[in-house]
């Protein structure tokens, strides 16, 4: 088993999302990945990224970064950061992503 760490994925950039999708589905099946924040600036995209990663690694751990908790997009406030945090934690629980 190996332990990998990644941060600042910024999956809203298409080339970054493609890089994630190109990670082998087989090579890391015994490994652990720590995702240390700044995955994306929308809940839906963070969830999509985590879905990609749980298919490729035995265990995925995640902690949100400031970009993951942003709630203001194009001048519109969607929710507050604490509500976004709870939504992220719920998504992680549903996907089997570890947060503790």
PDB file of N, CA and C in Angstrom:
ATOM      1  N   UNK A   1       0.834  -1.177   0.000  1.00  0.00           N
ATOM      2  CA  UNK A   1       0.000   0.000   0.000  1.00  0.00           C
ATOM      3  C   UNK A   1       0.884   1.247   0.000  1.00  0.00           C
ATOM      4  N   UNK A   2       0.498   2.207  -0.819  1.00  0.00           N
ATOM      5  CA  UNK A   2       1.174   3.502  -0.864  1.00  0.00           C
ATOM      6  C   UNK A   2       0.180   4.583  -0.453  1.00  0.00           C
ATOM      7  N   UNK A   3       0.720   5.695   0.021  1.00  0.00           N
ATOM      8  CA  UNK A   3      -0.110   6.842   0.382  1.00  0.00           C
ATOM      9  C   UNK A   3       0.295   8.009  -0.515  1.00  0.00           C
ATOM     10  N   UNK A   4      -0.699   8.572  -1.181  1.00  0.00           N
ATOM     11  CA  UNK A   4      -0.496   9.692  -2.088  1.00  0.00           C
ATOM     12  C   UNK A   4      -1.204  10.912  -1.532  1.00  0.00           C
ATOM     13  N   UNK A   5      -0.693  12.091  -1.831  1.00  0.00           N
ATOM     14  CA  UNK A   5      -1.333  13.335  -1.422  1.00  0.00           C
ATOM     15  C   UNK A   5      -1.416  14.267  -2.622  1.00  0.00           C
ATOM     16  N   UNK A   6      -2.549  14.933  -2.738  1.00  0.00           N
ATOM     17  CA  UNK A   6      -2.751  15.887  -3.819  1.00  0.00           C
ATOM     18  C   UNK A   6      -3.575  17.053  -3.283  1.00  0.00           C
ATOM     19  N   UNK A   7      -3.351  18.226  -3.844  1.00  0.00           N
ATOM     20  CA  UNK A   7      -4.164  19.392  -3.484  1.00  0.00           C
ATOM     21  C   UNK A   7      -4.262  20.302  -4.704  1.00  0.00           C
ATOM     22  N   UNK A   8      -5.093  21.298  -4.584  1.00  0.00           N
ATOM     23  CA  UNK A   8      -5.237  22.314  -5.632  1.00  0.00           C
ATOM     24  C   UNK A   8      -5.542  21.701  -6.993  1.00  0.00           C
ATOM     25  N   UNK A   9      -6.510  20.811  -7.016  1.00  0.00           N
ATOM     26  CA  UNK A   9      -6.890  20.158  -8.276  1.00  0.00           C
ATOM     27  C   UNK A   9      -7.610  21.110  -9.229  1.00  0.00           C
ATOM     28  N   UNK A  10      -8.345  22.045  -8.710  1.00  0.00           N
ATOM     29  CA  UNK A  10      -9.055  23.053  -9.506  1.00  0.00           C
ATOM     30  C   UNK A  10      -9.670  22.433 -10.759  1.00  0.00           C
ATOM     31  N   UNK A  11     -10.573  21.514 -10.523  1.00  0.00           N
ATOM     32  CA  UNK A  11     -11.184  20.726 -11.604  1.00  0.00           C
ATOM     33  C   UNK A  11     -12.085  21.541 -12.515  1.00  0.00           C
ATOM     34  N   UNK A  12     -12.340  22.798 -12.185  1.00  0.00           N
ATOM     35  CA  UNK A  12     -13.111  23.630 -13.104  1.00  0.00           C
ATOM     36  C   UNK A  12     -12.330  23.903 -14.401  1.00  0.00           C
ATOM     37  N   UNK A  13     -11.025  23.655 -14.371  1.00  0.00           N
ATOM     38  CA  UNK A  13     -10.213  23.720 -15.591  1.00  0.00           C
ATOM     39  C   UNK A  13     -10.252  22.350 -16.259  1.00  0.00           C
ATOM     40  N   UNK A  14     -10.702  22.305 -17.487  1.00  0.00           N
ATOM     41  CA  UNK A  14     -10.943  21.045 -18.188  1.00  0.00           C
ATOM     42  C   UNK A  14      -9.714  20.154 -18.234  1.00  0.00           C
ATOM     43  N   UNK A  15      -8.526  20.731 -18.415  1.00  0.00           N
ATOM     44  CA  UNK A  15      -7.321  19.911 -18.483  1.00  0.00           C
ATOM     45  C   UNK A  15      -7.029  19.234 -17.142  1.00  0.00           C
ATOM     46  N   UNK A  16      -7.414  19.864 -16.044  1.00  0.00           N
ATOM     47  CA  UNK A  16      -7.225  19.241 -14.735  1.00  0.00           C
ATOM     48  C   UNK A  16      -8.194  18.081 -14.532  1.00  0.00           C
ATOM     49  N   UNK A  17      -9.437  18.263 -14.946  1.00  0.00           N
ATOM     50  CA  UNK A  17     -10.421  17.181 -14.837  1.00  0.00           C
ATOM     51  C   UNK A  17     -10.011  16.006 -15.724  1.00  0.00           C
ATOM     52  N   UNK A  18      -9.498  16.312 -16.912  1.00  0.00           N
ATOM     53  CA  UNK A  18      -9.036  15.237 -17.800  1.00  0.00           C
ATOM     54  C   UNK A  18      -7.890  14.467 -17.156  1.00  0.00           C
ATOM     55  N   UNK A  19      -6.970  15.177 -16.495  1.00  0.00           N
ATOM     56  CA  UNK A  19      -5.855  14.520 -15.813  1.00  0.00           C
ATOM     57  C   UNK A  19      -6.389  13.547 -14.760  1.00  0.00           C
ATOM     58  N   UNK A  20      -7.402  13.958 -14.020  1.00  0.00           N
ATOM     59  CA  UNK A  20      -7.996  13.083 -13.008  1.00  0.00           C
ATOM     60  C   UNK A  20      -8.634  11.855 -13.647  1.00  0.00           C
ATOM     61  N   UNK A  21      -9.379  12.070 -14.707  1.00  0.00           N
ATOM     62  CA  UNK A  21     -10.055  10.961 -15.381  1.00  0.00           C
ATOM     63  C   UNK A  21      -9.069   9.997 -16.032  1.00  0.00           C
ATOM     64  N   UNK A  22      -7.864  10.478 -16.339  1.00  0.00           N
ATOM     65  CA  UNK A  22      -6.841   9.640 -16.958  1.00  0.00           C
ATOM     66  C   UNK A  22      -6.046   8.804 -15.952  1.00  0.00           C
ATOM     67  N   UNK A  23      -6.270   9.015 -14.665  1.00  0.00           N
ATOM     68  CA  UNK A  23      -5.599   8.190 -13.655  1.00  0.00           C
ATOM     69  C   UNK A  23      -6.071   6.752 -13.830  1.00  0.00           C
ATOM     70  N   UNK A  24      -5.133   5.823 -13.775  1.00  0.00           N
ATOM     71  CA  UNK A  24      -5.428   4.413 -13.991  1.00  0.00           C
ATOM     72  C   UNK A  24      -6.519   3.903 -13.046  1.00  0.00           C
ATOM     73  N   UNK A  25      -7.410   3.100 -13.601  1.00  0.00           N
ATOM     74  CA  UNK A  25      -8.447   2.461 -12.787  1.00  0.00           C
ATOM     75  C   UNK A  25      -7.908   1.265 -12.010  1.00  0.00           C
ATOM     76  N   UNK A  26      -6.710   0.798 -12.345  1.00  0.00           N
ATOM     77  CA  UNK A  26      -6.169  -0.418 -11.729  1.00  0.00           C
ATOM     78  C   UNK A  26      -4.921  -0.203 -10.880  1.00  0.00           C
ATOM     79  N   UNK A  27      -4.069   0.698 -11.267  1.00  0.00           N
ATOM     80  CA  UNK A  27      -2.747   0.826 -10.659  1.00  0.00           C
ATOM     81  C   UNK A  27      -2.758   1.202  -9.189  1.00  0.00           C
ATOM     82  N   UNK A  28      -3.791   1.889  -8.713  1.00  0.00           N
ATOM     83  CA  UNK A  28      -3.794   2.427  -7.355  1.00  0.00           C
ATOM     84  C   UNK A  28      -4.848   1.783  -6.456  1.00  0.00           C
ATOM     85  N   UNK A  29      -5.358   0.646  -6.847  1.00  0.00           N
ATOM     86  CA  UNK A  29      -6.449   0.000  -6.114  1.00  0.00           C
ATOM     87  C   UNK A  29      -6.089  -0.426  -4.685  1.00  0.00           C
ATOM     88  N   UNK A  30      -4.813  -0.505  -4.369  1.00  0.00           N
ATOM     89  CA  UNK A  30      -4.395  -0.847  -3.006  1.00  0.00           C
ATOM     90  C   UNK A  30      -3.941   0.377  -2.218  1.00  0.00           C
ATOM     91  N   UNK A  31      -4.031   1.538  -2.819  1.00  0.00           N
ATOM     92  CA  UNK A  31      -3.426   2.745  -2.262  1.00  0.00           C
ATOM     93  C   UNK A  31      -4.443   3.689  -1.627  1.00  0.00           C
ATOM     94  N   UNK A  32      -3.914   4.598  -0.822  1.00  0.00           N
ATOM     95  CA  UNK A  32      -4.696   5.628  -0.154  1.00  0.00           C
ATOM     96  C   UNK A  32      -4.358   6.978  -0.763  1.00  0.00           C
ATOM     97  N   UNK A  33      -5.370   7.803  -0.958  1.00  0.00           N
ATOM     98  CA  UNK A  33      -5.180   9.154  -1.476  1.00  0.00           C
ATOM     99  C   UNK A  33      -5.715  10.159  -0.461  1.00  0.00           C
ATOM    100  N   UNK A  34      -4.903  11.156  -0.155  1.00  0.00           N
ATOM    101  CA  UNK A  34      -5.321  12.277   0.687  1.00  0.00           C
ATOM    102  C   UNK A  34      -5.520  13.473  -0.237  1.00  0.00           C
ATOM    103  N   UNK A  35      -6.732  13.995  -0.259  1.00  0.00           N
ATOM    104  CA  UNK A  35      -7.065  15.162  -1.081  1.00  0.00           C
ATOM    105  C   UNK A  35      -7.135  16.359  -0.137  1.00  0.00           C
ATOM    106  N   UNK A  36      -6.158  17.245  -0.258  1.00  0.00           N
ATOM    107  CA  UNK A  36      -5.994  18.332   0.703  1.00  0.00           C
ATOM    108  C   UNK A  36      -6.524  19.660   0.181  1.00  0.00           C
ATOM    109  N   UNK A  37      -7.749  19.661  -0.268  1.00  0.00           N
ATOM    110  CA  UNK A  37      -8.456  20.897  -0.555  1.00  0.00           C
ATOM    111  C   UNK A  37      -8.251  21.513  -1.925  1.00  0.00           C
ATOM    112  N   UNK A  38      -9.094  22.505  -2.174  1.00  0.00           N
ATOM    113  CA  UNK A  38      -9.140  23.248  -3.424  1.00  0.00           C
ATOM    114  C   UNK A  38      -9.368  22.332  -4.622  1.00  0.00           C
ATOM    115  N   UNK A  39     -10.406  21.514  -4.496  1.00  0.00           N
ATOM    116  CA  UNK A  39     -10.803  20.588  -5.557  1.00  0.00           C
ATOM    117  C   UNK A  39     -11.547  21.348  -6.644  1.00  0.00           C
ATOM    118  N   UNK A  40     -12.550  22.142  -6.258  1.00  0.00           N
ATOM    119  CA  UNK A  40     -13.357  22.893  -7.230  1.00  0.00           C
ATOM    120  C   UNK A  40     -14.196  23.911  -6.471  1.00  0.00           C
ATOM    121  N   UNK A  41     -14.765  24.849  -7.202  1.00  0.00           N
ATOM    122  CA  UNK A  41     -15.547  25.888  -6.527  1.00  0.00           C
ATOM    123  C   UNK A  41     -17.055  25.653  -6.588  1.00  0.00           C
ATOM    124  N   UNK A  42     -17.462  24.442  -6.974  1.00  0.00           N
ATOM    125  CA  UNK A  42     -18.894  24.110  -6.890  1.00  0.00           C
ATOM    126  C   UNK A  42     -19.052  22.737  -6.245  1.00  0.00           C
ATOM    127  N   UNK A  43     -20.126  22.605  -5.501  1.00  0.00           N
ATOM    128  CA  UNK A  43     -20.408  21.337  -4.827  1.00  0.00           C
ATOM    129  C   UNK A  43     -20.514  20.195  -5.826  1.00  0.00           C
ATOM    130  N   UNK A  44     -21.181  20.425  -6.940  1.00  0.00           N
ATOM    131  CA  UNK A  44     -21.387  19.374  -7.939  1.00  0.00           C
ATOM    132  C   UNK A  44     -20.061  18.892  -8.514  1.00  0.00           C
ATOM    133  N   UNK A  45     -19.150  19.812  -8.762  1.00  0.00           N
ATOM    134  CA  UNK A  45     -17.862  19.428  -9.337  1.00  0.00           C
ATOM    135  C   UNK A  45     -16.976  18.727  -8.307  1.00  0.00           C
ATOM    136  N   UNK A  46     -17.012  19.167  -7.058  1.00  0.00           N
ATOM    137  CA  UNK A  46     -16.273  18.457  -6.003  1.00  0.00           C
ATOM    138  C   UNK A  46     -16.779  17.024  -5.922  1.00  0.00           C
ATOM    139  N   UNK A  47     -18.074  16.860  -5.927  1.00  0.00           N
ATOM    140  CA  UNK A  47     -18.664  15.523  -5.876  1.00  0.00           C
ATOM    141  C   UNK A  47     -18.220  14.681  -7.072  1.00  0.00           C
ATOM    142  N   UNK A  48     -18.221  15.252  -8.262  1.00  0.00           N
ATOM    143  CA  UNK A  48     -17.784  14.522  -9.454  1.00  0.00           C
ATOM    144  C   UNK A  48     -16.334  14.075  -9.337  1.00  0.00           C
ATOM    145  N   UNK A  49     -15.491  14.964  -8.841  1.00  0.00           N
ATOM    146  CA  UNK A  49     -14.073  14.618  -8.667  1.00  0.00           C
ATOM    147  C   UNK A  49     -13.924  13.475  -7.672  1.00  0.00           C
ATOM    148  N   UNK A  50     -14.608  13.566  -6.548  1.00  0.00           N
ATOM    149  CA  UNK A  50     -14.504  12.504  -5.545  1.00  0.00           C
ATOM    150  C   UNK A  50     -15.028  11.179  -6.093  1.00  0.00           C
ATOM    151  N   UNK A  51     -16.075  11.223  -6.906  1.00  0.00           N
ATOM    152  CA  UNK A  51     -16.580   9.998  -7.546  1.00  0.00           C
ATOM    153  C   UNK A  51     -15.512   9.368  -8.436  1.00  0.00           C
ATOM    154  N   UNK A  52     -14.795  10.192  -9.170  1.00  0.00           N
ATOM    155  CA  UNK A  52     -13.703   9.701 -10.025  1.00  0.00           C
ATOM    156  C   UNK A  52     -12.624   9.045  -9.159  1.00  0.00           C
ATOM    157  N   UNK A  53     -12.269   9.691  -8.063  1.00  0.00           N
ATOM    158  CA  UNK A  53     -11.152   9.206  -7.246  1.00  0.00           C
ATOM    159  C   UNK A  53     -11.484   7.945  -6.468  1.00  0.00           C
ATOM    160  N   UNK A  54     -12.711   7.803  -5.955  1.00  0.00           N
ATOM    161  CA  UNK A  54     -13.036   6.594  -5.184  1.00  0.00           C
ATOM    162  C   UNK A  54     -13.048   5.352  -6.072  1.00  0.00           C
ATOM    163  N   UNK A  55     -13.178   5.525  -7.374  1.00  0.00           N
ATOM    164  CA  UNK A  55     -13.104   4.387  -8.301  1.00  0.00           C
ATOM    165  C   UNK A  55     -11.662   3.947  -8.551  1.00  0.00           C
ATOM    166  N   UNK A  56     -10.694   4.802  -8.186  1.00  0.00           N
ATOM    167  CA  UNK A  56      -9.306   4.550  -8.534  1.00  0.00           C
ATOM    168  C   UNK A  56      -8.415   4.205  -7.341  1.00  0.00           C
ATOM    169  N   UNK A  57      -8.849   4.548  -6.129  1.00  0.00           N
ATOM    170  CA  UNK A  57      -8.047   4.332  -4.919  1.00  0.00           C
ATOM    171  C   UNK A  57      -8.843   3.521  -3.906  1.00  0.00           C
ATOM    172  N   UNK A  58      -8.125   2.742  -3.100  1.00  0.00           N
ATOM    173  CA  UNK A  58      -8.784   1.923  -2.073  1.00  0.00           C
ATOM    174  C   UNK A  58      -9.462   2.802  -1.025  1.00  0.00           C
ATOM    175  N   UNK A  59      -8.786   3.877  -0.640  1.00  0.00           N
ATOM    176  CA  UNK A  59      -9.317   4.806   0.357  1.00  0.00           C
ATOM    177  C   UNK A  59      -9.008   6.228  -0.091  1.00  0.00           C
ATOM    178  N   UNK A  60      -9.989   7.100   0.081  1.00  0.00           N
ATOM    179  CA  UNK A  60      -9.803   8.518  -0.221  1.00  0.00           C
ATOM    180  C   UNK A  60     -10.161   9.315   1.028  1.00  0.00           C
ATOM    181  N   UNK A  61      -9.242  10.174   1.445  1.00  0.00           N
ATOM    182  CA  UNK A  61      -9.460  11.097   2.552  1.00  0.00           C
ATOM    183  C   UNK A  61      -9.535  12.501   1.967  1.00  0.00           C
ATOM    184  N   UNK A  62     -10.395  13.343   2.541  1.00  0.00           N
ATOM    185  CA  UNK A  62     -10.606  14.678   1.986  1.00  0.00           C
ATOM    186  C   UNK A  62     -10.788  15.709   3.079  1.00  0.00           C
ATOM    187  N   UNK A  63     -10.170  16.851   2.887  1.00  0.00           N
ATOM    188  CA  UNK A  63     -10.451  18.030   3.699  1.00  0.00           C
ATOM    189  C   UNK A  63     -10.668  19.199   2.751  1.00  0.00           C
ATOM    190  N   UNK A  64     -11.706  19.992   2.962  1.00  0.00           N
ATOM    191  CA  UNK A  64     -11.989  21.093   2.042  1.00  0.00           C
ATOM    192  C   UNK A  64     -10.963  22.219   2.144  1.00  0.00           C
ATOM    193  N   UNK A  65     -10.769  22.887   1.041  1.00  0.00           N
ATOM    194  CA  UNK A  65      -9.964  24.100   1.000  1.00  0.00           C
ATOM    195  C   UNK A  65     -10.864  25.301   0.792  1.00  0.00           C
ATOM    196  N   UNK A  66     -10.274  26.465   0.725  1.00  0.00           N
ATOM    197  CA  UNK A  66     -11.087  27.675   0.598  1.00  0.00           C
ATOM    198  C   UNK A  66     -11.913  27.695  -0.690  1.00  0.00           C
ATOM    199  N   UNK A  67     -11.377  27.184  -1.786  1.00  0.00           N
ATOM    200  CA  UNK A  67     -12.145  27.174  -3.035  1.00  0.00           C
ATOM    201  C   UNK A  67     -13.366  26.255  -2.929  1.00  0.00           C
ATOM    202  N   UNK A  68     -13.235  25.168  -2.196  1.00  0.00           N
ATOM    203  CA  UNK A  68     -14.345  24.237  -2.029  1.00  0.00           C
ATOM    204  C   UNK A  68     -15.479  24.851  -1.206  1.00  0.00           C
ATOM    205  N   UNK A  69     -15.147  25.810  -0.380  1.00  0.00           N
ATOM    206  CA  UNK A  69     -16.127  26.429   0.514  1.00  0.00           C
ATOM    207  C   UNK A  69     -16.661  27.765  -0.004  1.00  0.00           C
ATOM    208  N   UNK A  70     -16.179  28.208  -1.146  1.00  0.00           N
ATOM    209  CA  UNK A  70     -16.687  29.459  -1.726  1.00  0.00           C
ATOM    210  C   UNK A  70     -18.178  29.336  -1.986  1.00  0.00           C
ATOM    211  N   UNK A  71     -18.892  30.391  -1.689  1.00  0.00           N
ATOM    212  CA  UNK A  71     -20.336  30.366  -1.905  1.00  0.00           C
ATOM    213  C   UNK A  71     -20.806  31.498  -2.809  1.00  0.00           C
ATOM    214  N   UNK A  72     -19.890  32.315  -3.251  1.00  0.00           N
ATOM    215  CA  UNK A  72     -20.253  33.435  -4.107  1.00  0.00           C
ATOM    216  C   UNK A  72     -19.709  33.183  -5.514  1.00  0.00           C
ATOM    217  N   UNK A  73     -20.613  33.070  -6.461  1.00  0.00           N
ATOM    218  CA  UNK A  73     -20.237  32.859  -7.849  1.00  0.00           C
ATOM    219  C   UNK A  73     -20.890  33.942  -8.694  1.00  0.00           C
ATOM    220  N   UNK A  74     -20.071  34.674  -9.415  1.00  0.00           N
ATOM    221  CA  UNK A  74     -20.587  35.753 -10.278  1.00  0.00           C
ATOM    222  C   UNK A  74     -21.508  36.704  -9.507  1.00  0.00           C
ATOM    223  N   UNK A  75     -21.124  37.021  -8.267  1.00  0.00           N
ATOM    224  CA  UNK A  75     -21.880  37.994  -7.495  1.00  0.00           C
ATOM    225  C   UNK A  75     -23.108  37.452  -6.798  1.00  0.00           C
ATOM    226  N   UNK A  76     -23.414  36.170  -6.960  1.00  0.00           N
ATOM    227  CA  UNK A  76     -24.598  35.570  -6.345  1.00  0.00           C
ATOM    228  C   UNK A  76     -24.156  34.663  -5.201  1.00  0.00           C
ATOM    229  N   UNK A  77     -24.695  34.877  -4.021  1.00  0.00           N
ATOM    230  CA  UNK A  77     -24.381  34.028  -2.877  1.00  0.00           C
ATOM    231  C   UNK A  77     -25.386  32.892  -2.834  1.00  0.00           C
ATOM    232  N   UNK A  78     -24.886  31.661  -2.931  1.00  0.00           N
ATOM    233  CA  UNK A  78     -25.749  30.483  -2.973  1.00  0.00           C
ATOM    234  C   UNK A  78     -26.207  30.058  -1.581  1.00  0.00           C
ATOM    235  N   UNK A  79     -25.306  30.065  -0.633  1.00  0.00           N
ATOM    236  CA  UNK A  79     -25.539  29.572   0.719  1.00  0.00           C
ATOM    237  C   UNK A  79     -24.450  30.195   1.582  1.00  0.00           C
ATOM    238  N   UNK A  80     -24.231  29.710   2.785  1.00  0.00           N
ATOM    239  CA  UNK A  80     -23.083  30.191   3.555  1.00  0.00           C
ATOM    240  C   UNK A  80     -22.041  29.082   3.632  1.00  0.00           C
ATOM    241  N   UNK A  81     -20.840  29.433   4.026  1.00  0.00           N
ATOM    242  CA  UNK A  81     -19.731  28.477   4.009  1.00  0.00           C
ATOM    243  C   UNK A  81     -19.945  27.294   4.951  1.00  0.00           C
ATOM    244  N   UNK A  82     -20.605  27.520   6.084  1.00  0.00           N
ATOM    245  CA  UNK A  82     -20.867  26.410   7.000  1.00  0.00           C
ATOM    246  C   UNK A  82     -21.873  25.436   6.399  1.00  0.00           C
ATOM    247  N   UNK A  83     -22.872  25.963   5.723  1.00  0.00           N
ATOM    248  CA  UNK A  83     -23.835  25.091   5.047  1.00  0.00           C
ATOM    249  C   UNK A  83     -23.135  24.312   3.933  1.00  0.00           C
ATOM    250  N   UNK A  84     -22.262  24.982   3.180  1.00  0.00           N
ATOM    251  CA  UNK A  84     -21.508  24.302   2.120  1.00  0.00           C
ATOM    252  C   UNK A  84     -20.637  23.191   2.720  1.00  0.00           C
ATOM    253  N   UNK A  85     -19.996  23.476   3.855  1.00  0.00           N
ATOM    254  CA  UNK A  85     -19.173  22.463   4.533  1.00  0.00           C
ATOM    255  C   UNK A  85     -20.020  21.237   4.876  1.00  0.00           C
ATOM    256  N   UNK A  86     -21.193  21.457   5.439  1.00  0.00           N
ATOM    257  CA  UNK A  86     -22.070  20.326   5.784  1.00  0.00           C
ATOM    258  C   UNK A  86     -22.481  19.554   4.532  1.00  0.00           C
ATOM    259  N   UNK A  87     -22.764  20.267   3.443  1.00  0.00           N
ATOM    260  CA  UNK A  87     -23.114  19.599   2.181  1.00  0.00           C
ATOM    261  C   UNK A  87     -21.946  18.759   1.665  1.00  0.00           C
ATOM    262  N   UNK A  88     -20.736  19.289   1.781  1.00  0.00           N
ATOM    263  CA  UNK A  88     -19.550  18.532   1.359  1.00  0.00           C
ATOM    264  C   UNK A  88     -19.364  17.277   2.215  1.00  0.00           C
ATOM    265  N   UNK A  89     -19.553  17.420   3.527  1.00  0.00           N
ATOM    266  CA  UNK A  89     -19.397  16.268   4.418  1.00  0.00           C
ATOM    267  C   UNK A  89     -20.460  15.206   4.134  1.00  0.00           C
ATOM    268  N   UNK A  90     -21.686  15.635   3.835  1.00  0.00           N
ATOM    269  CA  UNK A  90     -22.751  14.692   3.466  1.00  0.00           C
ATOM    270  C   UNK A  90     -22.389  13.951   2.179  1.00  0.00           C
ATOM    271  N   UNK A  91     -21.885  14.686   1.196  1.00  0.00           N
ATOM    272  CA  UNK A  91     -21.483  14.064  -0.070  1.00  0.00           C
ATOM    273  C   UNK A  91     -20.371  13.050   0.173  1.00  0.00           C
ATOM    274  N   UNK A  92     -19.410  13.406   1.014  1.00  0.00           N
ATOM    275  CA  UNK A  92     -18.306  12.477   1.320  1.00  0.00           C
ATOM    276  C   UNK A  92     -18.837  11.205   1.974  1.00  0.00           C
ATOM    277  N   UNK A  93     -19.749  11.361   2.908  1.00  0.00           N
ATOM    278  CA  UNK A  93     -20.316  10.194   3.573  1.00  0.00           C
ATOM    279  C   UNK A  93     -21.025   9.296   2.561  1.00  0.00           C
ATOM    280  N   UNK A  94     -21.796   9.884   1.668  1.00  0.00           N
ATOM    281  CA  UNK A  94     -22.513   9.106   0.647  1.00  0.00           C
ATOM    282  C   UNK A  94     -21.554   8.365  -0.278  1.00  0.00           C
ATOM    283  N   UNK A  95     -20.392   8.972  -0.558  1.00  0.00           N
ATOM    284  CA  UNK A  95     -19.432   8.382  -1.493  1.00  0.00           C
ATOM    285  C   UNK A  95     -18.417   7.459  -0.818  1.00  0.00           C
ATOM    286  N   UNK A  96     -18.415   7.426   0.510  1.00  0.00           N
ATOM    287  CA  UNK A  96     -17.431   6.602   1.221  1.00  0.00           C
ATOM    288  C   UNK A  96     -16.067   7.266   1.312  1.00  0.00           C
ATOM    289  N   UNK A  97     -16.035   8.585   1.216  1.00  0.00           N
ATOM    290  CA  UNK A  97     -14.797   9.346   1.351  1.00  0.00           C
ATOM    291  C   UNK A  97     -14.608   9.685   2.830  1.00  0.00           C
ATOM    292  N   UNK A  98     -13.422   9.423   3.337  1.00  0.00           N
ATOM    293  CA  UNK A  98     -13.123   9.655   4.752  1.00  0.00           C
ATOM    294  C   UNK A  98     -12.827  11.140   4.996  1.00  0.00           C
ATOM    295  N   UNK A  99     -13.340  11.652   6.098  1.00  0.00           N
ATOM    296  CA  UNK A  99     -13.113  13.043   6.454  1.00  0.00           C
ATOM    297  C   UNK A  99     -12.512  13.196   7.858  1.00  0.00           C
ATOM    298  N   UNK A 100     -12.272  12.084   8.517  1.00  0.00           N
ATOM    299  CA  UNK A 100     -11.666  12.107   9.871  1.00  0.00           C
ATOM    300  C   UNK A 100     -10.563  11.091   9.956  1.00  0.00           C
TER     301      UNK A 100
END
